[in-house]
């Protein structure tokens, strides 16, 4: 009976890890799309923004790039945590 309970617990943990990985992948896809939109808005402000166009476009460029770096780095952080945690 104890072996069966260990199998169920390991199966549940494996399912949670797979679900977390798929959610992270979906978030990264949405993050890439969001960063592309942010870069497009920043380019619009840079081209058509007039006198304050460069200043307002920098916010979009920096925000999009920092968000993209953090979101893409989440996979490395998740893999590191997964390698350190032992059940």
C-alpha atoms as a PDB file:
ATOM      1  CA  UNK A   1       0.000   0.000   0.000  1.00  0.00           C
ATOM      2  CA  UNK A   2       2.866   2.361   0.825  1.00  0.00           C
ATOM      3  CA  UNK A   3       4.425   1.857  -2.638  1.00  0.00           C
ATOM      4  CA  UNK A   4       1.093   2.718  -4.247  1.00  0.00           C
ATOM      5  CA  UNK A   5       0.832   5.969  -2.251  1.00  0.00           C
ATOM      6  CA  UNK A   6       4.383   6.941  -3.225  1.00  0.00           C
ATOM      7  CA  UNK A   7       3.502   6.325  -6.879  1.00  0.00           C
ATOM      8  CA  UNK A   8       0.422   8.551  -6.617  1.00  0.00           C
ATOM      9  CA  UNK A   9       2.428  11.323  -4.921  1.00  0.00           C
ATOM     10  CA  UNK A  10       5.190  11.175  -7.553  1.00  0.00           C
ATOM     11  CA  UNK A  11       2.597  11.138 -10.318  1.00  0.00           C
ATOM     12  CA  UNK A  12       0.892  14.227  -8.870  1.00  0.00           C
ATOM     13  CA  UNK A  13       4.210  16.061  -8.573  1.00  0.00           C
ATOM     14  CA  UNK A  14       5.098  15.135 -12.144  1.00  0.00           C
ATOM     15  CA  UNK A  15       1.724  16.404 -13.355  1.00  0.00           C
ATOM     16  CA  UNK A  16       2.204  19.676 -11.463  1.00  0.00           C
ATOM     17  CA  UNK A  17       5.647  20.157 -13.000  1.00  0.00           C
ATOM     18  CA  UNK A  18       4.286  19.521 -16.493  1.00  0.00           C
ATOM     19  CA  UNK A  19       1.409  21.930 -15.911  1.00  0.00           C
ATOM     20  CA  UNK A  20       3.779  24.615 -14.632  1.00  0.00           C
ATOM     21  CA  UNK A  21       6.054  24.167 -17.649  1.00  0.00           C
ATOM     22  CA  UNK A  22       3.151  24.482 -20.085  1.00  0.00           C
ATOM     23  CA  UNK A  23       1.827  27.588 -18.306  1.00  0.00           C
ATOM     24  CA  UNK A  24       5.311  29.135 -18.427  1.00  0.00           C
ATOM     25  CA  UNK A  25       5.589  28.380 -22.144  1.00  0.00           C
ATOM     26  CA  UNK A  26       2.197  29.994 -22.800  1.00  0.00           C
ATOM     27  CA  UNK A  27       3.187  33.043 -20.748  1.00  0.00           C
ATOM     28  CA  UNK A  28       6.402  33.370 -22.753  1.00  0.00           C
ATOM     29  CA  UNK A  29       4.473  33.289 -26.021  1.00  0.00           C
ATOM     30  CA  UNK A  30       2.150  36.021 -24.777  1.00  0.00           C
ATOM     31  CA  UNK A  31       5.185  37.952 -23.513  1.00  0.00           C
ATOM     32  CA  UNK A  32       6.825  37.885 -26.937  1.00  0.00           C
ATOM     33  CA  UNK A  33       3.626  39.168 -28.520  1.00  0.00           C
ATOM     34  CA  UNK A  34       3.281  41.871 -25.851  1.00  0.00           C
ATOM     35  CA  UNK A  35       6.904  42.960 -26.307  1.00  0.00           C
ATOM     36  CA  UNK A  36       6.389  43.225 -30.068  1.00  0.00           C
ATOM     37  CA  UNK A  37       3.326  45.410 -29.476  1.00  0.00           C
ATOM     38  CA  UNK A  38       5.280  47.560 -26.982  1.00  0.00           C
ATOM     39  CA  UNK A  39       8.118  48.003 -29.478  1.00  0.00           C
ATOM     40  CA  UNK A  40       5.589  48.973 -32.144  1.00  0.00           C
ATOM     41  CA  UNK A  41       3.995  51.566 -29.874  1.00  0.00           C
ATOM     42  CA  UNK A  42       7.454  52.881 -28.985  1.00  0.00           C
ATOM     43  CA  UNK A  43       8.338  53.161 -32.665  1.00  0.00           C
ATOM     44  CA  UNK A  44       5.086  55.024 -33.306  1.00  0.00           C
ATOM     45  CA  UNK A  45       5.938  57.515 -30.556  1.00  0.00           C
ATOM     46  CA  UNK A  46       9.492  57.852 -31.871  1.00  0.00           C
ATOM     47  CA  UNK A  47       8.389  58.561 -35.433  1.00  0.00           C
ATOM     48  CA  UNK A  48       5.232  60.598 -34.917  1.00  0.00           C
ATOM     49  CA  UNK A  49       5.669  61.848 -31.342  1.00  0.00           C
ATOM     50  CA  UNK A  50       7.016  65.242 -32.183  1.00  0.00           C
ATOM     51  CA  UNK A  51       9.196  67.042 -29.696  1.00  0.00           C
ATOM     52  CA  UNK A  52       8.547  64.623 -26.824  1.00  0.00           C
ATOM     53  CA  UNK A  53       8.461  61.523 -29.023  1.00  0.00           C
ATOM     54  CA  UNK A  54      11.881  60.202 -28.076  1.00  0.00           C
ATOM     55  CA  UNK A  55      11.206  60.631 -24.370  1.00  0.00           C
ATOM     56  CA  UNK A  56       7.885  58.784 -24.505  1.00  0.00           C
ATOM     57  CA  UNK A  57       9.240  56.039 -26.775  1.00  0.00           C
ATOM     58  CA  UNK A  58      12.069  55.168 -24.378  1.00  0.00           C
ATOM     59  CA  UNK A  59       9.530  54.105 -21.760  1.00  0.00           C
ATOM     60  CA  UNK A  60       7.976  51.602 -24.196  1.00  0.00           C
ATOM     61  CA  UNK A  61      11.340  50.286 -25.410  1.00  0.00           C
ATOM     62  CA  UNK A  62      12.799  49.801 -21.933  1.00  0.00           C
ATOM     63  CA  UNK A  63       9.598  48.323 -20.521  1.00  0.00           C
ATOM     64  CA  UNK A  64       9.234  45.860 -23.377  1.00  0.00           C
ATOM     65  CA  UNK A  65      12.835  44.731 -23.258  1.00  0.00           C
ATOM     66  CA  UNK A  66      13.035  44.380 -19.462  1.00  0.00           C
ATOM     67  CA  UNK A  67       9.756  42.468 -19.381  1.00  0.00           C
ATOM     68  CA  UNK A  68      10.962  40.164 -22.144  1.00  0.00           C
ATOM     69  CA  UNK A  69      14.269  39.458 -20.391  1.00  0.00           C
ATOM     70  CA  UNK A  70      12.529  38.680 -17.091  1.00  0.00           C
ATOM     71  CA  UNK A  71       9.963  36.424 -18.745  1.00  0.00           C
ATOM     72  CA  UNK A  72      12.556  34.534 -20.777  1.00  0.00           C
ATOM     73  CA  UNK A  73      14.727  34.156 -17.682  1.00  0.00           C
ATOM     74  CA  UNK A  74      11.823  32.547 -15.828  1.00  0.00           C
ATOM     75  CA  UNK A  75      12.558  29.234 -17.559  1.00  0.00           C
ATOM     76  CA  UNK A  76      16.120  29.202 -16.226  1.00  0.00           C
ATOM     77  CA  UNK A  77      14.898  30.084 -12.742  1.00  0.00           C
ATOM     78  CA  UNK A  78      12.250  27.335 -12.860  1.00  0.00           C
ATOM     79  CA  UNK A  79      14.800  24.751 -14.026  1.00  0.00           C
ATOM     80  CA  UNK A  80      17.203  25.769 -11.264  1.00  0.00           C
ATOM     81  CA  UNK A  81      14.498  25.461  -8.608  1.00  0.00           C
ATOM     82  CA  UNK A  82      13.434  22.101 -10.059  1.00  0.00           C
ATOM     83  CA  UNK A  83      17.005  20.788  -9.826  1.00  0.00           C
ATOM     84  CA  UNK A  84      17.392  21.944  -6.208  1.00  0.00           C
ATOM     85  CA  UNK A  85      14.093  20.641  -4.791  1.00  0.00           C
ATOM     86  CA  UNK A  86      14.041  16.950  -3.867  1.00  0.00           C
ATOM     87  CA  UNK A  87      10.896  15.128  -2.785  1.00  0.00           C
END
